[in-house]
Protein backbone atom coordinates (compact mmCIF):
# COMPACT_ATOMS: atom_id res chain seq x y z
CA MET A 1 49.44 163.21 32.22
CA SER A 2 51.82 164.70 29.67
CA ASN A 3 50.73 164.86 26.06
CA ASN A 4 53.52 165.55 23.61
CA SER A 5 51.68 164.11 20.61
CA LEU A 6 51.03 166.47 17.72
CA GLU A 7 48.65 164.23 15.81
CA ASP A 8 45.99 166.16 13.89
CA ARG A 9 48.07 169.33 14.16
CA VAL A 10 49.11 171.29 11.06
CA SER A 11 52.53 172.96 11.08
CA LEU A 12 54.03 175.59 8.80
CA ILE A 13 57.82 175.98 8.78
CA THR A 14 59.40 178.79 6.77
CA GLY A 15 62.88 178.02 5.49
CA GLY A 16 61.95 174.42 6.26
CA ALA A 17 63.87 172.65 3.52
CA ARG A 18 67.37 172.82 5.00
CA GLY A 19 69.33 172.99 8.24
CA ILE A 20 67.44 173.92 11.38
CA GLY A 21 64.18 174.35 9.50
CA LYS A 22 64.31 170.81 8.15
CA SER A 23 65.20 169.41 11.57
CA ILE A 24 62.21 171.22 13.07
CA ALA A 25 59.93 169.90 10.31
CA GLU A 26 61.14 166.34 10.89
CA SER A 27 60.72 166.60 14.66
CA LEU A 28 57.14 167.88 14.30
CA ALA A 29 56.38 165.20 11.72
CA LYS A 30 57.75 162.53 14.04
CA LYS A 31 55.17 163.64 16.61
CA GLY A 32 52.41 163.22 14.04
CA SER A 33 51.90 166.76 12.73
CA LYS A 34 51.06 167.47 9.11
CA ILE A 35 53.84 169.59 7.58
CA ILE A 36 54.00 172.57 5.23
CA ILE A 37 57.48 173.40 3.99
CA MET A 38 57.58 177.04 2.84
CA ASP A 39 60.91 177.61 1.16
CA PRO A 40 61.76 179.33 -2.15
CA GLY A 41 65.16 177.62 -2.30
CA TYR A 42 67.32 180.63 -1.56
CA SER A 43 71.02 180.52 -0.83
CA ILE A 44 72.23 181.94 2.47
CA ASN A 45 72.59 185.38 0.86
CA GLY A 46 69.05 185.40 -0.52
CA ASN A 47 69.50 184.30 -4.12
CA HIS A 48 67.84 181.29 -5.78
CA ASP A 49 70.08 178.22 -5.77
CA ASP A 50 67.61 175.28 -5.57
CA LYS A 51 64.05 176.12 -6.58
CA ASN A 52 62.79 172.54 -6.18
CA ILE A 53 64.16 171.77 -2.73
CA ALA A 54 60.84 172.38 -0.92
CA GLU A 55 59.07 169.78 -3.07
CA ARG A 56 61.84 167.21 -2.56
CA VAL A 57 61.96 167.67 1.22
CA SER A 58 58.16 167.66 1.46
CA GLU A 59 58.02 164.32 -0.36
CA GLU A 60 60.88 162.94 1.74
CA ILE A 61 59.12 163.80 5.02
CA ARG A 62 55.78 162.52 3.75
CA ASP A 63 57.26 159.13 2.83
CA LYS A 64 59.44 158.82 5.93
CA TYR A 65 56.80 159.68 8.54
CA ALA A 66 53.61 158.73 6.69
CA ILE A 67 52.02 162.12 7.19
CA GLU A 68 50.42 164.63 4.84
CA THR A 69 52.71 167.40 3.58
CA LEU A 70 52.67 170.42 1.31
CA ALA A 71 55.45 172.40 -0.38
CA ILE A 72 55.19 176.15 -1.00
CA THR A 73 57.95 178.01 -2.82
CA LYS A 74 56.86 181.61 -2.27
CA ASP A 75 58.94 184.47 -0.83
CA ILE A 76 57.76 185.45 2.67
CA SER A 77 58.97 189.04 2.22
CA ILE A 78 56.22 189.60 -0.38
CA GLU A 79 52.91 190.24 1.40
CA GLU A 80 50.62 189.11 -1.42
CA GLU A 81 52.50 185.84 -1.87
CA VAL A 82 52.12 185.13 1.84
CA LYS A 83 48.38 185.83 1.75
CA ASN A 84 47.89 183.55 -1.25
CA SER A 85 49.99 180.82 0.36
CA ILE A 86 48.04 180.84 3.63
CA GLU A 87 44.78 180.64 1.68
CA ILE A 88 46.12 177.53 -0.08
CA ILE A 89 47.10 176.00 3.28
CA ILE A 90 43.69 176.64 4.86
CA LYS A 91 41.89 175.34 1.79
CA LYS A 92 43.89 172.11 1.90
CA PHE A 93 44.04 171.47 5.65
CA ASP A 94 41.12 173.58 6.92
CA LYS A 95 43.24 174.86 9.80
CA LEU A 96 46.73 175.83 10.96
CA ASP A 97 48.05 175.14 14.46
CA ILE A 98 51.82 175.66 14.56
CA VAL A 99 53.85 178.36 12.79
CA VAL A 100 57.65 178.39 12.89
CA ASN A 101 59.40 181.47 11.51
CA ASN A 102 62.80 180.07 10.62
CA ALA A 103 63.59 181.59 7.21
CA ALA A 104 66.60 183.91 7.24
CA ILE A 105 69.37 185.19 5.03
CA ILE A 106 72.70 186.84 5.83
CA ARG A 107 74.54 189.63 4.05
CA ASP A 108 77.35 190.77 6.33
CA GLY A 109 79.51 193.84 6.17
CA PHE A 110 80.99 196.38 8.56
CA ILE A 111 78.66 199.26 9.38
CA PHE A 112 80.93 201.91 7.87
CA LYS A 113 80.73 200.33 4.39
CA TYR A 114 77.42 198.46 4.46
CA SER A 115 74.98 198.97 1.60
CA THR A 116 71.36 200.05 1.97
CA GLU A 117 70.41 197.39 -0.57
CA ASP A 118 71.81 194.59 1.61
CA TRP A 119 70.24 196.12 4.74
CA LYS A 120 66.79 196.16 3.14
CA LYS A 121 67.07 192.63 1.76
CA VAL A 122 68.00 191.14 5.15
CA ILE A 123 65.36 193.12 7.07
CA ASP A 124 62.70 192.31 4.46
CA THR A 125 63.31 188.56 4.73
CA ASN A 126 64.27 188.08 8.37
CA LEU A 127 61.90 190.53 10.06
CA THR A 128 59.23 191.78 7.66
CA GLY A 129 58.83 188.24 6.32
CA ALA A 130 58.19 186.93 9.84
CA PHE A 131 55.68 189.75 10.40
CA ASN A 132 53.88 188.86 7.16
CA ILE A 133 53.57 185.25 8.27
CA ILE A 134 52.42 186.07 11.81
CA SER A 135 49.98 188.75 10.68
CA GLU A 136 48.28 186.45 8.19
CA THR A 137 48.32 183.14 10.08
CA SER A 138 47.17 184.65 13.38
CA LYS A 139 43.89 185.71 11.74
CA TYR A 140 43.02 182.08 11.10
CA MET A 141 44.25 180.96 14.51
CA LYS A 142 42.02 183.55 16.19
CA GLU A 143 39.03 182.30 14.20
CA GLN A 144 39.81 178.75 15.33
CA SER A 145 39.89 179.98 18.90
CA LYS A 146 36.52 181.73 18.54
CA SER A 147 34.86 178.58 17.20
CA ASP A 148 36.34 176.31 19.90
CA ASN A 149 36.28 177.47 23.53
CA THR A 150 38.74 174.70 24.47
CA TYR A 151 41.31 175.92 21.93
CA SER A 152 44.79 176.09 23.46
CA TYR A 153 47.11 174.63 20.85
CA GLY A 154 47.94 177.65 18.66
CA ARG A 155 51.72 178.11 18.61
CA ILE A 156 53.99 180.65 16.95
CA ILE A 157 57.73 180.07 17.37
CA ASN A 158 60.30 182.53 16.07
CA ILE A 159 63.82 181.31 15.45
CA ILE A 160 66.04 184.18 16.53
CA SER A 161 69.79 184.42 17.12
CA THR A 162 71.99 185.38 20.02
CA ALA A 163 73.44 187.91 17.57
CA GLY A 164 70.23 189.84 18.23
CA ILE A 165 71.05 189.86 21.96
CA TRP A 166 74.84 190.27 22.01
CA GLY A 167 75.47 191.69 18.55
CA ASN A 168 78.30 190.55 16.31
CA TYR A 169 80.92 192.12 14.08
CA GLY A 170 79.63 193.04 10.62
CA GLN A 171 76.05 191.90 11.27
CA ALA A 172 74.16 195.18 11.51
CA ALA A 173 71.18 193.98 9.48
CA TYR A 174 71.10 190.38 10.68
CA ALA A 175 71.44 191.28 14.38
CA SER A 176 68.93 194.13 14.05
CA ALA A 177 66.39 191.84 12.38
CA LYS A 178 66.79 189.19 15.07
CA ALA A 179 66.54 191.79 17.85
CA GLY A 180 63.39 193.06 16.17
CA LEU A 181 62.07 189.51 16.08
CA ILE A 182 62.47 189.33 19.86
CA ALA A 183 60.26 192.40 20.22
CA LEU A 184 57.81 190.97 17.69
CA THR A 185 57.64 187.80 19.79
CA ARG A 186 56.68 189.78 22.88
CA VAL A 187 54.04 191.86 21.08
CA THR A 188 52.57 188.78 19.39
CA ALA A 189 52.35 186.98 22.74
CA LEU A 190 50.56 189.98 24.26
CA ASP A 191 48.19 190.53 21.33
CA LEU A 192 47.15 186.86 21.13
CA GLN A 193 47.03 185.86 24.80
CA ARG A 194 43.23 186.18 25.00
CA SER A 195 42.96 183.70 22.13
CA ASN A 196 45.17 181.16 23.94
CA ILE A 197 47.78 181.40 21.18
CA LYS A 198 51.34 181.19 22.47
CA CYS A 199 54.37 182.86 20.93
CA ASN A 200 57.98 182.18 21.97
CA ALA A 201 61.46 182.63 20.52
CA ILE A 202 64.31 180.12 20.26
CA ALA A 203 67.97 181.04 19.79
CA PRO A 204 69.65 177.96 18.29
CA PHE A 205 73.24 176.77 18.32
CA ALA A 206 73.81 174.20 15.58
CA ALA A 207 75.58 173.35 12.35
CA THR A 208 73.82 175.44 9.70
CA ARG A 209 74.61 177.56 6.66
CA VAL A 210 74.59 180.56 8.99
CA THR A 211 77.27 178.97 11.16
CA GLU A 212 79.29 178.02 8.10
CA SER A 213 79.20 181.64 6.90
CA ILE A 214 80.77 183.01 10.10
CA LYS A 215 84.06 184.84 9.52
CA PRO A 216 85.86 184.65 12.88
CA GLN A 217 87.39 187.92 14.13
CA ASN A 218 89.44 186.35 16.90
CA GLU A 219 90.47 183.02 18.42
CA ALA A 220 87.35 182.73 20.61
CA GLN A 221 85.12 183.14 17.56
CA GLN A 222 87.16 180.57 15.66
CA THR A 223 86.61 178.15 18.55
CA TYR A 224 82.87 178.93 18.57
CA LYS A 225 82.54 178.14 14.88
CA LYS A 226 84.48 174.91 15.18
CA LEU A 227 82.31 173.72 18.08
CA ALA A 228 78.99 174.90 16.63
CA LEU A 229 79.59 172.99 13.41
CA LYS A 230 79.62 169.78 15.47
CA ILE A 231 76.16 170.34 17.02
CA ASP A 232 73.25 168.49 15.42
CA ALA A 233 70.21 170.67 14.66
CA LYS A 234 67.91 167.93 16.01
CA TYR A 235 68.09 169.52 19.48
CA VAL A 236 66.38 172.63 18.12
CA GLY A 237 63.67 170.41 16.66
CA ASP A 238 63.13 168.73 20.02
CA LEU A 239 62.63 172.05 21.83
CA THR A 240 60.29 173.31 19.11
CA SER A 241 58.18 170.16 19.36
CA TYR A 242 57.99 170.45 23.14
CA LEU A 243 56.86 174.08 23.04
CA SER A 244 54.32 173.11 20.36
CA SER A 245 52.84 170.33 22.49
CA ASP A 246 50.11 170.53 25.14
CA ASP A 247 52.86 170.61 27.77
CA GLY A 248 54.22 173.81 26.21
CA ALA A 249 50.93 175.68 26.57
CA LYS A 250 51.96 177.57 29.71
CA TYR A 251 54.92 179.31 28.04
CA THR A 252 54.50 182.49 26.03
CA GLY A 253 56.54 185.63 25.38
CA GLN A 254 59.73 183.83 26.42
CA ILE A 255 63.20 183.59 24.88
CA PHE A 256 64.73 180.14 24.98
CA GLY A 257 68.06 178.86 23.70
CA VAL A 258 69.32 175.39 22.89
CA ARG A 259 72.93 174.31 22.50
CA ALA A 260 73.12 170.53 22.10
CA LYS A 261 71.84 169.14 25.43
CA GLU A 262 71.84 172.56 27.11
CA VAL A 263 68.55 174.46 27.17
CA PHE A 264 68.53 178.13 28.20
CA LEU A 265 65.92 180.59 29.40
CA PHE A 266 67.18 184.08 28.57
CA ASN A 267 66.52 187.08 30.76
CA GLN A 268 64.94 190.01 28.92
CA SER A 269 66.19 193.57 29.19
CA ARG A 270 64.97 195.23 32.35
CA PRO A 271 66.55 197.95 34.53
CA VAL A 272 69.23 196.51 36.80
CA PHE A 273 70.41 199.67 38.61
CA ASN A 274 69.15 203.22 38.90
CA PHE A 275 69.74 206.45 40.75
CA VAL A 276 67.74 209.65 41.23
CA ARG A 277 69.38 212.96 40.45
CA ASN A 278 69.17 216.01 42.67
CA GLU A 279 67.69 219.15 41.18
CA THR A 280 70.90 220.42 39.68
CA GLU A 281 72.47 221.00 36.29
CA ASP A 282 75.87 219.95 37.58
CA LEU A 283 77.09 217.09 35.36
CA HIS A 284 79.61 216.12 38.01
CA GLU A 285 76.69 214.57 39.87
CA LEU A 286 76.04 212.33 36.85
CA LYS A 287 79.70 211.36 36.79
CA ASP A 288 79.68 210.49 40.49
CA ASN A 289 76.51 208.42 40.24
CA PHE A 290 77.63 206.64 37.07
CA SER A 291 80.84 205.66 38.86
CA LYS A 292 78.95 204.59 41.98
CA TYR A 293 76.05 202.66 40.44
CA PHE A 294 76.82 201.77 36.84
CA ASP A 295 80.52 201.33 36.16
CA GLU A 296 80.85 197.95 37.87
CA ASN A 297 77.74 196.57 36.17
CA LEU A 298 78.14 197.53 32.52
CA THR A 299 77.44 194.94 29.83
CA PRO A 300 80.75 193.73 28.36
CA LEU A 301 81.34 194.57 24.71
CA GLU A 302 81.61 190.96 23.62
CA THR A 303 79.75 189.08 20.91
CA ASP A 304 77.66 185.94 21.24
CA LEU A 305 80.54 184.02 19.68
CA GLU A 306 82.86 184.85 22.57
CA ALA A 307 80.14 184.24 25.15
CA PHE A 308 79.52 180.69 23.89
CA SER A 309 83.02 179.59 22.89
CA LYS A 310 83.22 176.87 25.56
CA ASP A 311 82.56 173.21 24.77
CA PRO A 312 78.86 172.36 24.29
CA ILE A 313 77.41 169.51 26.34
CA THR A 314 76.68 166.69 23.92
């Protein structure tokens, strides 16, 4: 019998006060989970614009769903603040079951004029911040697993982006961070499998501040932005709740996507064709084999925005 209830679970959502993060928090709360909103109130480019938003959203969710909540306004890119925050969470709730790494910022710019300062800020928040959260929370999850031999409800879900798979114009730091988060998902799944803790990634398509910030480079990207801004983030919340439930326990190390009613399972990079060279230094052999085996199967140089510019199924 399926069990999608999350009663008695405790969930931490970074960047949980707006957009996709808030939709995920509400979906988990609807299933009965206690909610921690960890959000310093940063704008999309990583500057403070609403320092009290975590408290307001925490209270809103508490009153709406009659569940216990907590607001934390610390910066996940700062290791010590993460450690202190997790200690507060464990002291209050005595456990932590579900961790959603959703917090992200964007500072775009073409690679030939991109600043090191912007690169570091995006990587620090989007990738190092997620590492800080996983590194610290997994310690407590592993202890829970050791004390309970039936433990199978630890979940870590990383919100990635198809920009980390396809790439996109002017998003060197953002795409690199999200690609790194895919690798971090795989390693986390491997490192925690003996503790029955599952880690997966979700690439969302929805109306968010990230979508609003897109600067289309062509007609297909303009179409993508127009369509994406019509998609409710609730679908991302639904998928997150499912993967967090007992029914989601068999999935780990996977990359999923959700675009309105469409749900995707993404393939992960593996060799698709190969050839074996003869013992020769003749580069013409490489040319011949490239033409024979590779040229018809190269990955197109398109972005995620072109790849998903068709109408979503709503």
